[in-house]
Amino acid sequence: MSRLAEIAVQEAQKGFNGKISGKEPNIHEIVELFPKWSVEQADALWCAAFVFHCCKKAGMQIPYKPAECSMSLAACYAWDEWAKKDDRIGYIPGNADPQTGDIVIFDKVFCDSPHDHMGIVVDVKDDSIVTAEGNYNNESRIVNRKKDNHVRCYIRIADNFIY
């Protein structure tokens, strides 16, 4: 298993959450990686920030807003944009075979729009992927997802990546 996948499993199992009934938000360490963003603003919008948090914990040296991006990596779209423009990063179409440690971007999972969710692949099965995700119903979770047309792409970044 890649270093990123290992870290993602550990982080997802910590039980991060935004505002949900009976629990105070505990996503501060994820949100603080993005200047000018608050826990209140991030509530129910932190899946990409969770991925960035895991990348940083895995030792990747990535700025919160790479020069290739029109916005910070707190947005799913920015990850897609960055991967397409930076030749050091693998951009793999959603119908291709993923690897453990790939970042996955989904379309139309929670709403009817592209780039609406993302996570980190922690296991690959014949017809599904197991992902570590932030903001799955405003909580961090390990999720089993079908390999289907909701998978927009996989992004492959080396474990020792330095921007």
C-alpha atoms as a PDB file:
ATOM      1  CA  MET A   1       0.000   0.000   0.000  1.00  0.00           C
ATOM      2  CA  SER A   2       1.281   3.469  -0.817  1.00  0.00           C
ATOM      3  CA  ARG A   3       2.187   5.895   1.944  1.00  0.00           C
ATOM      4  CA  LEU A   4      -0.717   8.161   0.935  1.00  0.00           C
ATOM      5  CA  ALA A   5      -3.215   5.292   1.161  1.00  0.00           C
ATOM      6  CA  GLU A   6      -1.907   4.289   4.608  1.00  0.00           C
ATOM      7  CA  ILE A   7      -2.194   7.844   5.907  1.00  0.00           C
ATOM      8  CA  ALA A   8      -5.644   8.287   4.332  1.00  0.00           C
ATOM      9  CA  VAL A   9      -7.000   5.210   6.132  1.00  0.00           C
ATOM     10  CA  GLN A  10      -5.588   6.432   9.456  1.00  0.00           C
ATOM     11  CA  GLU A  11      -6.981   9.935   8.967  1.00  0.00           C
ATOM     12  CA  ALA A  12     -10.431   8.767   7.823  1.00  0.00           C
ATOM     13  CA  GLN A  13     -10.694   6.519  10.878  1.00  0.00           C
ATOM     14  CA  LYS A  14     -10.085   9.481  13.205  1.00  0.00           C
ATOM     15  CA  GLY A  15     -13.722  10.450  12.743  1.00  0.00           C
ATOM     16  CA  PHE A  16     -13.408  13.979  11.407  1.00  0.00           C
ATOM     17  CA  ASN A  17     -16.732  15.748  11.060  1.00  0.00           C
ATOM     18  CA  GLY A  18     -18.290  19.053  10.156  1.00  0.00           C
ATOM     19  CA  LYS A  19     -21.505  20.229  11.814  1.00  0.00           C
ATOM     20  CA  ILE A  20     -23.611  17.161  12.485  1.00  0.00           C
ATOM     21  CA  SER A  21     -26.216  16.492  15.126  1.00  0.00           C
ATOM     22  CA  GLY A  22     -24.718  16.002  18.557  1.00  0.00           C
ATOM     23  CA  LYS A  23     -21.114  16.725  17.536  1.00  0.00           C
ATOM     24  CA  GLU A  24     -19.022  19.846  17.345  1.00  0.00           C
ATOM     25  CA  PRO A  25     -16.981  20.222  14.132  1.00  0.00           C
ATOM     26  CA  ASN A  26     -13.439  18.859  14.487  1.00  0.00           C
ATOM     27  CA  ILE A  27     -12.043  19.669  11.042  1.00  0.00           C
ATOM     28  CA  HIS A  28      -9.894  22.563  12.240  1.00  0.00           C
ATOM     29  CA  GLU A  29      -6.550  20.925  11.387  1.00  0.00           C
ATOM     30  CA  ILE A  30      -7.803  20.238   7.858  1.00  0.00           C
ATOM     31  CA  VAL A  31      -9.259  23.702   7.274  1.00  0.00           C
ATOM     32  CA  GLU A  32      -6.307  25.628   8.731  1.00  0.00           C
ATOM     33  CA  LEU A  33      -4.190  24.490   5.765  1.00  0.00           C
ATOM     34  CA  PHE A  34      -6.165  26.986   3.651  1.00  0.00           C
ATOM     35  CA  PRO A  35      -5.689  30.650   4.583  1.00  0.00           C
ATOM     36  CA  LYS A  36      -8.853  32.748   4.601  1.00  0.00           C
ATOM     37  CA  TRP A  37     -11.080  29.678   5.038  1.00  0.00           C
ATOM     38  CA  SER A  38     -12.995  28.931   8.223  1.00  0.00           C
ATOM     39  CA  VAL A  39     -14.583  25.796   9.655  1.00  0.00           C
ATOM     40  CA  GLU A  40     -17.983  27.405   9.052  1.00  0.00           C
ATOM     41  CA  GLN A  41     -17.178  28.038   5.379  1.00  0.00           C
ATOM     42  CA  ALA A  42     -15.759  24.546   4.944  1.00  0.00           C
ATOM     43  CA  ASP A  43     -18.744  22.775   6.484  1.00  0.00           C
ATOM     44  CA  ALA A  44     -20.066  20.133   4.056  1.00  0.00           C
ATOM     45  CA  LEU A  45     -17.429  21.206   1.473  1.00  0.00           C
ATOM     46  CA  TRP A  46     -14.193  19.676   2.776  1.00  0.00           C
ATOM     47  CA  CYS A  47     -13.557  16.487   0.754  1.00  0.00           C
ATOM     48  CA  ALA A  48     -10.762  18.079  -1.305  1.00  0.00           C
ATOM     49  CA  ALA A  49      -9.274  19.669   1.810  1.00  0.00           C
ATOM     50  CA  PHE A  50      -9.222  16.205   3.426  1.00  0.00           C
ATOM     51  CA  VAL A  51      -7.251  14.851   0.448  1.00  0.00           C
ATOM     52  CA  PHE A  52      -4.796  17.756   0.699  1.00  0.00           C
ATOM     53  CA  HIS A  53      -4.470  17.154   4.453  1.00  0.00           C
ATOM     54  CA  CYS A  54      -3.628  13.477   3.813  1.00  0.00           C
ATOM     55  CA  CYS A  55      -1.074  14.411   1.137  1.00  0.00           C
ATOM     56  CA  LYS A  56       0.647  16.780   3.570  1.00  0.00           C
ATOM     57  CA  LYS A  57       0.602  14.129   6.346  1.00  0.00           C
ATOM     58  CA  ALA A  58       2.179  11.673   3.879  1.00  0.00           C
ATOM     59  CA  GLY A  59       5.069  14.105   3.392  1.00  0.00           C
ATOM     60  CA  MET A  60       4.178  15.521  -0.003  1.00  0.00           C
ATOM     61  CA  GLN A  61       5.329  19.092  -0.431  1.00  0.00           C
ATOM     62  CA  ILE A  62       2.404  20.703  -2.228  1.00  0.00           C
ATOM     63  CA  PRO A  63       1.283  24.333  -1.955  1.00  0.00           C
ATOM     64  CA  TYR A  64      -2.364  24.895  -1.111  1.00  0.00           C
ATOM     65  CA  LYS A  65      -2.700  26.725  -4.455  1.00  0.00           C
ATOM     66  CA  PRO A  66      -0.290  25.507  -7.148  1.00  0.00           C
ATOM     67  CA  ALA A  67       0.510  28.042  -9.890  1.00  0.00           C
ATOM     68  CA  GLU A  68      -1.321  25.838 -12.402  1.00  0.00           C
ATOM     69  CA  CYS A  69      -4.617  26.272 -10.533  1.00  0.00           C
ATOM     70  CA  SER A  70      -7.225  28.996 -10.700  1.00  0.00           C
ATOM     71  CA  MET A  71      -8.249  28.241  -7.110  1.00  0.00           C
ATOM     72  CA  SER A  72      -6.916  26.435  -4.033  1.00  0.00           C
ATOM     73  CA  LEU A  73      -6.805  22.657  -3.633  1.00  0.00           C
ATOM     74  CA  ALA A  74      -9.774  22.962  -1.275  1.00  0.00           C
ATOM     75  CA  ALA A  75     -11.803  22.541  -4.494  1.00  0.00           C
ATOM     76  CA  CYS A  76     -12.125  19.279  -6.441  1.00  0.00           C
ATOM     77  CA  TYR A  77     -11.932  21.202  -9.708  1.00  0.00           C
ATOM     78  CA  ALA A  78      -8.489  22.558  -8.767  1.00  0.00           C
ATOM     79  CA  TRP A  79      -7.075  19.024  -8.389  1.00  0.00           C
ATOM     80  CA  ASP A  80      -8.355  18.128 -11.872  1.00  0.00           C
ATOM     81  CA  GLU A  81      -6.970  21.378 -13.294  1.00  0.00           C
ATOM     82  CA  TRP A  82      -3.568  20.879 -11.627  1.00  0.00           C
ATOM     83  CA  ALA A  83      -3.192  17.262 -12.729  1.00  0.00           C
ATOM     84  CA  LYS A  84      -3.915  18.174 -16.347  1.00  0.00           C
ATOM     85  CA  LYS A  85      -1.317  20.973 -16.374  1.00  0.00           C
ATOM     86  CA  ASP A  86       1.576  19.503 -14.335  1.00  0.00           C
ATOM     87  CA  ASP A  87       3.460  16.818 -16.285  1.00  0.00           C
ATOM     88  CA  ARG A  88       4.882  15.344 -13.066  1.00  0.00           C
ATOM     89  CA  ILE A  89       1.421  14.170 -12.071  1.00  0.00           C
ATOM     90  CA  GLY A  90      -0.444  11.297 -13.676  1.00  0.00           C
ATOM     91  CA  TYR A  91      -3.949  12.078 -14.968  1.00  0.00           C
ATOM     92  CA  ILE A  92      -5.739   8.779 -15.561  1.00  0.00           C
ATOM     93  CA  PRO A  93      -9.227   8.650 -17.123  1.00  0.00           C
ATOM     94  CA  GLY A  94     -12.001   7.273 -14.923  1.00  0.00           C
ATOM     95  CA  ASN A  95     -12.473   4.173 -17.080  1.00  0.00           C
ATOM     96  CA  ALA A  96      -8.818   3.105 -16.588  1.00  0.00           C
ATOM     97  CA  ASP A  97      -7.442   0.857 -13.848  1.00  0.00           C
ATOM     98  CA  PRO A  98      -6.691   2.686 -10.591  1.00  0.00           C
ATOM     99  CA  GLN A  99      -3.917   1.914  -8.144  1.00  0.00           C
ATOM    100  CA  THR A 100      -3.845   2.077  -4.370  1.00  0.00           C
ATOM    101  CA  GLY A 101      -2.833   5.608  -3.432  1.00  0.00           C
ATOM    102  CA  ASP A 102      -4.469   7.280  -6.426  1.00  0.00           C
ATOM    103  CA  ILE A 103      -6.634  10.305  -5.774  1.00  0.00           C
ATOM    104  CA  VAL A 104     -10.075   9.869  -7.325  1.00  0.00           C
ATOM    105  CA  ILE A 105     -12.404  12.631  -8.477  1.00  0.00           C
ATOM    106  CA  PHE A 106     -16.105  11.882  -8.876  1.00  0.00           C
ATOM    107  CA  ASP A 107     -18.834  13.524 -10.920  1.00  0.00           C
ATOM    108  CA  LYS A 108     -22.463  13.729  -9.806  1.00  0.00           C
ATOM    109  CA  VAL A 109     -22.121  11.717  -6.602  1.00  0.00           C
ATOM    110  CA  PHE A 110     -23.831  14.091  -4.177  1.00  0.00           C
ATOM    111  CA  CYS A 111     -25.264  16.648  -6.583  1.00  0.00           C
ATOM    112  CA  ASP A 112     -25.872  16.928 -10.303  1.00  0.00           C
ATOM    113  CA  SER A 113     -22.561  18.565 -11.166  1.00  0.00           C
ATOM    114  CA  PRO A 114     -19.053  17.568 -12.227  1.00  0.00           C
ATOM    115  CA  HIS A 115     -16.148  17.527  -9.760  1.00  0.00           C
ATOM    116  CA  ASP A 116     -18.518  17.202  -6.802  1.00  0.00           C
ATOM    117  CA  HIS A 117     -16.506  14.820  -4.614  1.00  0.00           C
ATOM    118  CA  MET A 118     -13.116  13.165  -4.203  1.00  0.00           C
ATOM    119  CA  GLY A 119     -11.147  10.751  -2.057  1.00  0.00           C
ATOM    120  CA  ILE A 120      -8.084   8.513  -1.962  1.00  0.00           C
ATOM    121  CA  VAL A 121      -8.074   4.933  -3.277  1.00  0.00           C
ATOM    122  CA  VAL A 122      -7.017   2.572  -0.477  1.00  0.00           C
ATOM    123  CA  ASP A 123      -7.941  -0.729  -2.149  1.00  0.00           C
ATOM    124  CA  VAL A 124      -8.865  -1.889  -5.642  1.00  0.00           C
ATOM    125  CA  LYS A 125     -11.342  -4.711  -6.292  1.00  0.00           C
ATOM    126  CA  ASP A 126     -12.652  -6.176  -9.550  1.00  0.00           C
ATOM    127  CA  ASP A 127     -15.661  -3.862  -9.922  1.00  0.00           C
ATOM    128  CA  SER A 128     -15.135  -1.362  -7.109  1.00  0.00           C
ATOM    129  CA  ILE A 129     -12.650   0.810  -5.276  1.00  0.00           C
ATOM    130  CA  VAL A 130     -12.359   1.374  -1.549  1.00  0.00           C
ATOM    131  CA  THR A 131     -11.725   5.022  -0.747  1.00  0.00           C
ATOM    132  CA  ALA A 132     -10.847   7.146   2.258  1.00  0.00           C
ATOM    133  CA  GLU A 133     -13.002  10.251   2.070  1.00  0.00           C
ATOM    134  CA  GLY A 134     -13.654  13.425   3.960  1.00  0.00           C
ATOM    135  CA  ASN A 135     -17.108  14.977   3.917  1.00  0.00           C
ATOM    136  CA  TYR A 136     -19.092  11.811   3.269  1.00  0.00           C
ATOM    137  CA  ASN A 137     -22.295  13.121   4.839  1.00  0.00           C
ATOM    138  CA  ASN A 138     -20.005  15.623   6.578  1.00  0.00           C
ATOM    139  CA  GLU A 139     -17.840  12.893   8.165  1.00  0.00           C
ATOM    140  CA  SER A 140     -14.624  11.095   7.267  1.00  0.00           C
ATOM    141  CA  ARG A 141     -15.176   7.499   6.185  1.00  0.00           C
ATOM    142  CA  ILE A 142     -13.875   4.450   4.368  1.00  0.00           C
ATOM    143  CA  VAL A 143     -16.281   3.845   1.465  1.00  0.00           C
ATOM    144  CA  ASN A 144     -16.738   1.103  -1.128  1.00  0.00           C
ATOM    145  CA  ARG A 145     -17.644   2.642  -4.507  1.00  0.00           C
ATOM    146  CA  LYS A 146     -18.414   1.103  -7.883  1.00  0.00           C
ATOM    147  CA  LYS A 147     -16.068   1.696 -10.782  1.00  0.00           C
ATOM    148  CA  ASP A 148     -18.624   3.443 -12.961  1.00  0.00           C
ATOM    149  CA  ASN A 149     -19.368   6.603 -14.898  1.00  0.00           C
ATOM    150  CA  HIS A 150     -19.269   8.683 -11.687  1.00  0.00           C
ATOM    151  CA  VAL A 151     -15.471   8.270 -11.624  1.00  0.00           C
ATOM    152  CA  ARG A 152     -14.123  11.273 -13.530  1.00  0.00           C
ATOM    153  CA  CYS A 153     -10.416  10.521 -13.163  1.00  0.00           C
ATOM    154  CA  TYR A 154      -7.606   9.235 -11.015  1.00  0.00           C
ATOM    155  CA  ILE A 155      -4.647  11.411 -10.125  1.00  0.00           C
ATOM    156  CA  ARG A 156      -1.329   9.715  -9.410  1.00  0.00           C
ATOM    157  CA  ILE A 157       1.262  11.619  -7.398  1.00  0.00           C
ATOM    158  CA  ALA A 158       4.565  10.094  -6.263  1.00  0.00           C
ATOM    159  CA  ASP A 159       4.851   9.504  -2.512  1.00  0.00           C
ATOM    160  CA  ASN A 160       7.948  11.721  -2.323  1.00  0.00           C
ATOM    161  CA  PHE A 161       6.472  14.525  -4.453  1.00  0.00           C
ATOM    162  CA  ILE A 162       8.024  17.977  -4.079  1.00  0.00           C
ATOM    163  CA  TYR A 163       6.327  20.828  -5.930  1.00  0.00           C
END
